[in-house]
Each structure stands twice: as structure tokens, then as C-alpha cells.
Amino acid sequence: MTHFQTHIGLLTHLPGMHYLEVPKEVAQALEAGRLHCTVNGKLTFQCGLVALGEGKAYITISKKRMQELEVKLGSTVAVALEKDDSPYGTEVPAEMAELLRQDEEGNRRFLLLKPGMQRYMLHHVGAVKNPQLRVDRAITLIENLKKLPEGKENFRAMLGLPPR
């Protein structure tokens, strides 16, 4: 686990987006991939490093998380980073896990997707509190995924939306 102190900044190229700056030596020491970030020993979330320039990196932090931590723009925080060894870099909602267990072709197609698309799907299913809505979202995504040509998957089509 890597520990450091940093500040909360505001990204100029993404207005309203706050970030935790990761020093150059920390960013270089960490392998690429998903991480668990713990801020002030209170809040842990999954994340990834994004290049900031000059060897430094950053991790985005939402306003909701900042409120939970009772911090603001410019605050100094303690950060601990640990490699995330979970298969998808995010929690798998029980409804999606069960569907993938039951649907062999759906599971095969899901496993062919790039990790970022897998995470996006898992987040979309898990983002709602209602269990029936999670089931409905999982079924819609997997059924539409199976209709798409392999290698031509996109999230809009998996949602059942027309192309732009």
C-alpha cells in the first residue's frame, strides 16, 4: 500500500471536476490498472490513475465524496492507494452475476468485451437501488449485446438506443 499527502484540485479541462493529485514518484511506482483509494482513512473507492503531465497523475473525486469527507477545493488529504485485484475493477451486482451464470452465450460475449466496457455495464446495472430494475437492466444489456456483431459492441446499442 502506498501512502501520501496531497491536495484537492480542480481540473481546468473538465469544469467542475475535482481531483487528487498523485505525485510523480508515486505514479511511477504504481503499475497501470485499477486501484482502491482511501482518503483520510474514512472513505474507500475504486479508481484509476489519469496522466496529469510531468509524470504526475490524478484521481477524480466527486463532490458527493468530498461532502462525505467534509473537505473542499484546496484541502490537504491523506491518501492510501492499493492495487485492486478484483476481476473487473468494480463490484459485480448479484443480478448481473446470476444472469451471466445462467446465460452461457451472454457470459461468453461479456467476457470478450474490453475491461472498460465490462465495468461500464456493471456500473449501469448496479447504479440503481431497485432489485427489479437491476434485473431489467442486466437482461436488456446482455440480450442486446448478443444481437451485436462481435467487435462492434457499443454501449448505446446495448441500451437499445438508436445510433447517433
C-alpha atoms as a PDB file:
ATOM      1  CA  MET A   1       0.000   0.000   0.000  1.00  0.00           C
ATOM      2  CA  THR A   2       1.260   3.474  -0.896  1.00  0.00           C
ATOM      3  CA  HIS A   3       0.571   6.491   1.371  1.00  0.00           C
ATOM      4  CA  PHE A   4       0.969  10.198   0.603  1.00  0.00           C
ATOM      5  CA  GLN A   5      -0.460  13.645   1.370  1.00  0.00           C
ATOM      6  CA  THR A   6      -1.972  15.694  -1.434  1.00  0.00           C
ATOM      7  CA  HIS A   7      -4.491  18.444  -2.110  1.00  0.00           C
ATOM      8  CA  ILE A   8      -7.855  18.602  -3.826  1.00  0.00           C
ATOM      9  CA  GLY A   9      -7.617  20.475  -7.104  1.00  0.00           C
ATOM     10  CA  LEU A  10      -9.991  21.492  -9.882  1.00  0.00           C
ATOM     11  CA  LEU A  11      -9.390  20.276 -13.436  1.00  0.00           C
ATOM     12  CA  THR A  12      -9.263  23.123 -15.942  1.00  0.00           C
ATOM     13  CA  HIS A  13     -10.141  20.917 -18.942  1.00  0.00           C
ATOM     14  CA  LEU A  14     -13.190  19.384 -17.178  1.00  0.00           C
ATOM     15  CA  PRO A  15     -15.025  22.212 -15.402  1.00  0.00           C
ATOM     16  CA  GLY A  16     -16.450  21.237 -12.046  1.00  0.00           C
ATOM     17  CA  MET A  17     -14.349  18.044 -11.811  1.00  0.00           C
ATOM     18  CA  HIS A  18     -12.235  17.762  -8.671  1.00  0.00           C
ATOM     19  CA  TYR A  19      -9.140  15.604  -8.351  1.00  0.00           C
ATOM     20  CA  LEU A  20      -6.483  14.269  -6.014  1.00  0.00           C
ATOM     21  CA  GLU A  21      -3.001  14.906  -7.362  1.00  0.00           C
ATOM     22  CA  VAL A  22      -0.719  11.863  -7.308  1.00  0.00           C
ATOM     23  CA  PRO A  23       2.972  12.819  -7.069  1.00  0.00           C
ATOM     24  CA  LYS A  24       5.325  11.758  -9.853  1.00  0.00           C
ATOM     25  CA  GLU A  25       7.266   9.259  -7.705  1.00  0.00           C
ATOM     26  CA  VAL A  26       4.025   7.586  -6.542  1.00  0.00           C
ATOM     27  CA  ALA A  27       2.523   7.461 -10.048  1.00  0.00           C
ATOM     28  CA  GLN A  28       5.695   5.929 -11.483  1.00  0.00           C
ATOM     29  CA  ALA A  29       5.915   3.319  -8.706  1.00  0.00           C
ATOM     30  CA  LEU A  30       2.355   2.077  -9.280  1.00  0.00           C
ATOM     31  CA  GLU A  31       1.579  -0.342 -12.076  1.00  0.00           C
ATOM     32  CA  ALA A  32      -1.147   0.587 -14.528  1.00  0.00           C
ATOM     33  CA  GLY A  33      -4.554  -0.760 -13.594  1.00  0.00           C
ATOM     34  CA  ARG A  34      -7.344  -0.323 -11.122  1.00  0.00           C
ATOM     35  CA  LEU A  35      -6.740   0.793  -7.548  1.00  0.00           C
ATOM     36  CA  HIS A  36      -8.513   1.166  -4.218  1.00  0.00           C
ATOM     37  CA  CYS A  37      -8.160   4.730  -2.947  1.00  0.00           C
ATOM     38  CA  THR A  38      -8.707   5.522   0.740  1.00  0.00           C
ATOM     39  CA  VAL A  39      -8.955   9.206   1.686  1.00  0.00           C
ATOM     40  CA  ASN A  40      -8.328  10.393   5.247  1.00  0.00           C
ATOM     41  CA  GLY A  41      -8.779   6.805   6.445  1.00  0.00           C
ATOM     42  CA  LYS A  42     -12.566   7.265   6.110  1.00  0.00           C
ATOM     43  CA  LEU A  43     -13.695   6.605   2.555  1.00  0.00           C
ATOM     44  CA  THR A  44     -12.500   3.935   0.120  1.00  0.00           C
ATOM     45  CA  PHE A  45     -13.443   3.761  -3.559  1.00  0.00           C
ATOM     46  CA  GLN A  46     -12.168   2.113  -6.733  1.00  0.00           C
ATOM     47  CA  CYS A  47     -10.260   4.291  -9.163  1.00  0.00           C
ATOM     48  CA  GLY A  48      -7.585   4.511 -11.812  1.00  0.00           C
ATOM     49  CA  LEU A  49      -4.748   6.950 -12.424  1.00  0.00           C
ATOM     50  CA  VAL A  50      -5.056   9.540 -15.197  1.00  0.00           C
ATOM     51  CA  ALA A  51      -1.964  11.298 -16.559  1.00  0.00           C
ATOM     52  CA  LEU A  52      -1.679  14.909 -15.384  1.00  0.00           C
ATOM     53  CA  GLY A  53       1.606  15.785 -17.081  1.00  0.00           C
ATOM     54  CA  GLU A  54       5.229  15.988 -15.969  1.00  0.00           C
ATOM     55  CA  GLY A  55       4.989  12.380 -14.744  1.00  0.00           C
ATOM     56  CA  LYS A  56       2.239  13.221 -12.245  1.00  0.00           C
ATOM     57  CA  ALA A  57      -1.230  11.687 -12.279  1.00  0.00           C
ATOM     58  CA  TYR A  58      -4.616  12.330 -10.728  1.00  0.00           C
ATOM     59  CA  ILE A  59      -7.643  10.521  -9.366  1.00  0.00           C
ATOM     60  CA  THR A  60     -11.063  12.120  -9.743  1.00  0.00           C
ATOM     61  CA  ILE A  61     -13.104  12.704  -6.625  1.00  0.00           C
ATOM     62  CA  SER A  62     -16.813  13.535  -6.773  1.00  0.00           C
ATOM     63  CA  LYS A  63     -18.491  16.358  -4.912  1.00  0.00           C
ATOM     64  CA  LYS A  64     -20.555  13.744  -3.048  1.00  0.00           C
ATOM     65  CA  ARG A  65     -17.392  12.039  -1.784  1.00  0.00           C
ATOM     66  CA  MET A  66     -15.918  15.412  -0.823  1.00  0.00           C
ATOM     67  CA  GLN A  67     -19.072  16.153   1.197  1.00  0.00           C
ATOM     68  CA  GLU A  68     -18.829  12.761   2.937  1.00  0.00           C
ATOM     69  CA  LEU A  69     -15.216  13.575   3.849  1.00  0.00           C
ATOM     70  CA  GLU A  70     -16.073  17.168   4.819  1.00  0.00           C
ATOM     71  CA  VAL A  71     -13.327  18.552   2.549  1.00  0.00           C
ATOM     72  CA  LYS A  72     -13.305  21.200  -0.177  1.00  0.00           C
ATOM     73  CA  LEU A  73     -11.197  22.543  -3.032  1.00  0.00           C
ATOM     74  CA  GLY A  74      -7.667  23.141  -1.742  1.00  0.00           C
ATOM     75  CA  SER A  75      -7.983  20.845   1.286  1.00  0.00           C
ATOM     76  CA  THR A  76      -4.991  18.661   2.129  1.00  0.00           C
ATOM     77  CA  VAL A  77      -5.869  14.982   2.488  1.00  0.00           C
ATOM     78  CA  ALA A  78      -4.110  11.716   3.317  1.00  0.00           C
ATOM     79  CA  VAL A  79      -4.352   9.141   0.539  1.00  0.00           C
ATOM     80  CA  ALA A  80      -3.629   5.418   0.565  1.00  0.00           C
ATOM     81  CA  LEU A  81      -3.554   3.513  -2.729  1.00  0.00           C
ATOM     82  CA  GLU A  82      -3.702  -0.256  -3.087  1.00  0.00           C
ATOM     83  CA  LYS A  83      -3.868  -2.425  -6.201  1.00  0.00           C
ATOM     84  CA  ASP A  84      -7.378  -3.672  -6.995  1.00  0.00           C
ATOM     85  CA  ASP A  85      -7.141  -7.365  -7.885  1.00  0.00           C
ATOM     86  CA  SER A  86     -10.870  -7.829  -8.498  1.00  0.00           C
ATOM     87  CA  PRO A  87     -11.594  -9.320 -11.934  1.00  0.00           C
ATOM     88  CA  TYR A  88     -13.483  -6.293 -13.286  1.00  0.00           C
ATOM     89  CA  GLY A  89     -12.228  -3.422 -11.149  1.00  0.00           C
ATOM     90  CA  THR A  90     -15.712  -2.906  -9.757  1.00  0.00           C
ATOM     91  CA  GLU A  91     -18.310  -4.825  -7.796  1.00  0.00           C
ATOM     92  CA  VAL A  92     -20.435  -7.274  -9.784  1.00  0.00           C
ATOM     93  CA  PRO A  93     -24.128  -6.775  -8.924  1.00  0.00           C
ATOM     94  CA  ALA A  94     -25.723 -10.057  -7.809  1.00  0.00           C
ATOM     95  CA  GLU A  95     -28.356  -9.752 -10.548  1.00  0.00           C
ATOM     96  CA  MET A  96     -25.710  -9.496 -13.268  1.00  0.00           C
ATOM     97  CA  ALA A  97     -23.659 -12.340 -11.774  1.00  0.00           C
ATOM     98  CA  GLU A  98     -26.710 -14.608 -11.762  1.00  0.00           C
ATOM     99  CA  LEU A  99     -27.655 -13.711 -15.340  1.00  0.00           C
ATOM    100  CA  LEU A 100     -24.104 -14.371 -16.559  1.00  0.00           C
ATOM    101  CA  ARG A 101     -24.130 -17.694 -14.700  1.00  0.00           C
ATOM    102  CA  GLN A 102     -27.380 -18.752 -16.407  1.00  0.00           C
ATOM    103  CA  ASP A 103     -26.742 -17.345 -19.908  1.00  0.00           C
ATOM    104  CA  GLU A 104     -23.746 -19.102 -21.436  1.00  0.00           C
ATOM    105  CA  GLU A 105     -23.714 -17.058 -24.663  1.00  0.00           C
ATOM    106  CA  GLY A 106     -24.270 -13.808 -22.767  1.00  0.00           C
ATOM    107  CA  ASN A 107     -21.352 -14.635 -20.471  1.00  0.00           C
ATOM    108  CA  ARG A 108     -19.120 -15.527 -23.427  1.00  0.00           C
ATOM    109  CA  ARG A 109     -19.901 -12.218 -25.149  1.00  0.00           C
ATOM    110  CA  PHE A 110     -19.439 -10.257 -21.901  1.00  0.00           C
ATOM    111  CA  LEU A 111     -16.002 -11.810 -21.393  1.00  0.00           C
ATOM    112  CA  LEU A 112     -14.980 -10.751 -24.924  1.00  0.00           C
ATOM    113  CA  LEU A 113     -15.590  -7.068 -24.122  1.00  0.00           C
ATOM    114  CA  LYS A 114     -12.771  -4.729 -23.170  1.00  0.00           C
ATOM    115  CA  PRO A 115     -12.434  -4.237 -19.382  1.00  0.00           C
ATOM    116  CA  GLY A 116     -13.698  -0.651 -19.555  1.00  0.00           C
ATOM    117  CA  MET A 117     -16.916  -1.731 -21.306  1.00  0.00           C
ATOM    118  CA  GLN A 118     -17.402  -4.532 -18.754  1.00  0.00           C
ATOM    119  CA  ARG A 119     -17.027  -2.026 -15.898  1.00  0.00           C
ATOM    120  CA  TYR A 120     -19.419   0.383 -17.610  1.00  0.00           C
ATOM    121  CA  MET A 121     -22.080  -2.336 -17.888  1.00  0.00           C
ATOM    122  CA  LEU A 122     -21.609  -3.450 -14.281  1.00  0.00           C
ATOM    123  CA  HIS A 123     -21.842   0.131 -13.076  1.00  0.00           C
ATOM    124  CA  HIS A 124     -25.015   0.729 -15.118  1.00  0.00           C
ATOM    125  CA  VAL A 125     -26.703  -2.312 -13.577  1.00  0.00           C
ATOM    126  CA  GLY A 126     -25.518  -1.569 -10.034  1.00  0.00           C
ATOM    127  CA  ALA A 127     -26.297   2.156 -10.157  1.00  0.00           C
ATOM    128  CA  VAL A 128     -29.953   1.681  -9.181  1.00  0.00           C
ATOM    129  CA  LYS A 129     -31.309   0.594  -5.798  1.00  0.00           C
ATOM    130  CA  ASN A 130     -34.387  -1.280  -7.019  1.00  0.00           C
ATOM    131  CA  PRO A 131     -33.541  -5.001  -7.467  1.00  0.00           C
ATOM    132  CA  GLN A 132     -36.121  -5.487 -10.239  1.00  0.00           C
ATOM    133  CA  LEU A 133     -34.678  -2.536 -12.169  1.00  0.00           C
ATOM    134  CA  ARG A 134     -31.181  -4.081 -11.803  1.00  0.00           C
ATOM    135  CA  VAL A 135     -32.547  -7.359 -13.240  1.00  0.00           C
ATOM    136  CA  ASP A 136     -34.234  -5.487 -16.100  1.00  0.00           C
ATOM    137  CA  ARG A 137     -31.072  -3.521 -16.889  1.00  0.00           C
ATOM    138  CA  ALA A 138     -28.904  -6.655 -16.836  1.00  0.00           C
ATOM    139  CA  ILE A 139     -31.273  -8.530 -19.169  1.00  0.00           C
ATOM    140  CA  THR A 140     -31.531  -5.589 -21.587  1.00  0.00           C
ATOM    141  CA  LEU A 141     -27.752  -5.169 -21.797  1.00  0.00           C
ATOM    142  CA  ILE A 142     -26.983  -8.865 -22.279  1.00  0.00           C
ATOM    143  CA  GLU A 143     -29.815  -9.523 -24.759  1.00  0.00           C
ATOM    144  CA  ASN A 144     -28.796  -6.518 -26.873  1.00  0.00           C
ATOM    145  CA  LEU A 145     -25.106  -7.450 -26.589  1.00  0.00           C
ATOM    146  CA  LYS A 146     -25.860 -10.884 -28.068  1.00  0.00           C
ATOM    147  CA  LYS A 147     -27.548  -9.234 -31.088  1.00  0.00           C
ATOM    148  CA  LEU A 148     -24.500  -7.098 -31.946  1.00  0.00           C
ATOM    149  CA  PRO A 149     -21.698  -8.312 -34.215  1.00  0.00           C
ATOM    150  CA  GLU A 150     -18.608  -9.323 -32.239  1.00  0.00           C
ATOM    151  CA  GLY A 151     -16.104  -6.477 -32.143  1.00  0.00           C
ATOM    152  CA  LYS A 152     -18.800  -3.893 -32.983  1.00  0.00           C
ATOM    153  CA  GLU A 153     -20.261  -3.502 -29.490  1.00  0.00           C
ATOM    154  CA  ASN A 154     -21.176  -0.072 -28.175  1.00  0.00           C
ATOM    155  CA  PHE A 155     -23.000   0.975 -25.070  1.00  0.00           C
ATOM    156  CA  ARG A 156     -25.816   2.863 -26.860  1.00  0.00           C
ATOM    157  CA  ALA A 157     -26.706  -0.242 -28.835  1.00  0.00           C
ATOM    158  CA  MET A 158     -26.589  -2.391 -25.703  1.00  0.00           C
ATOM    159  CA  LEU A 159     -29.052   0.023 -24.072  1.00  0.00           C
ATOM    160  CA  GLY A 160     -31.329  -0.433 -27.090  1.00  0.00           C
ATOM    161  CA  LEU A 161     -30.850   3.177 -28.240  1.00  0.00           C
ATOM    162  CA  PRO A 162     -30.545   4.109 -31.922  1.00  0.00           C
ATOM    163  CA  PRO A 163     -27.136   5.159 -33.267  1.00  0.00           C
ATOM    164  CA  ARG A 164     -26.382   8.869 -33.250  1.00  0.00           C
END
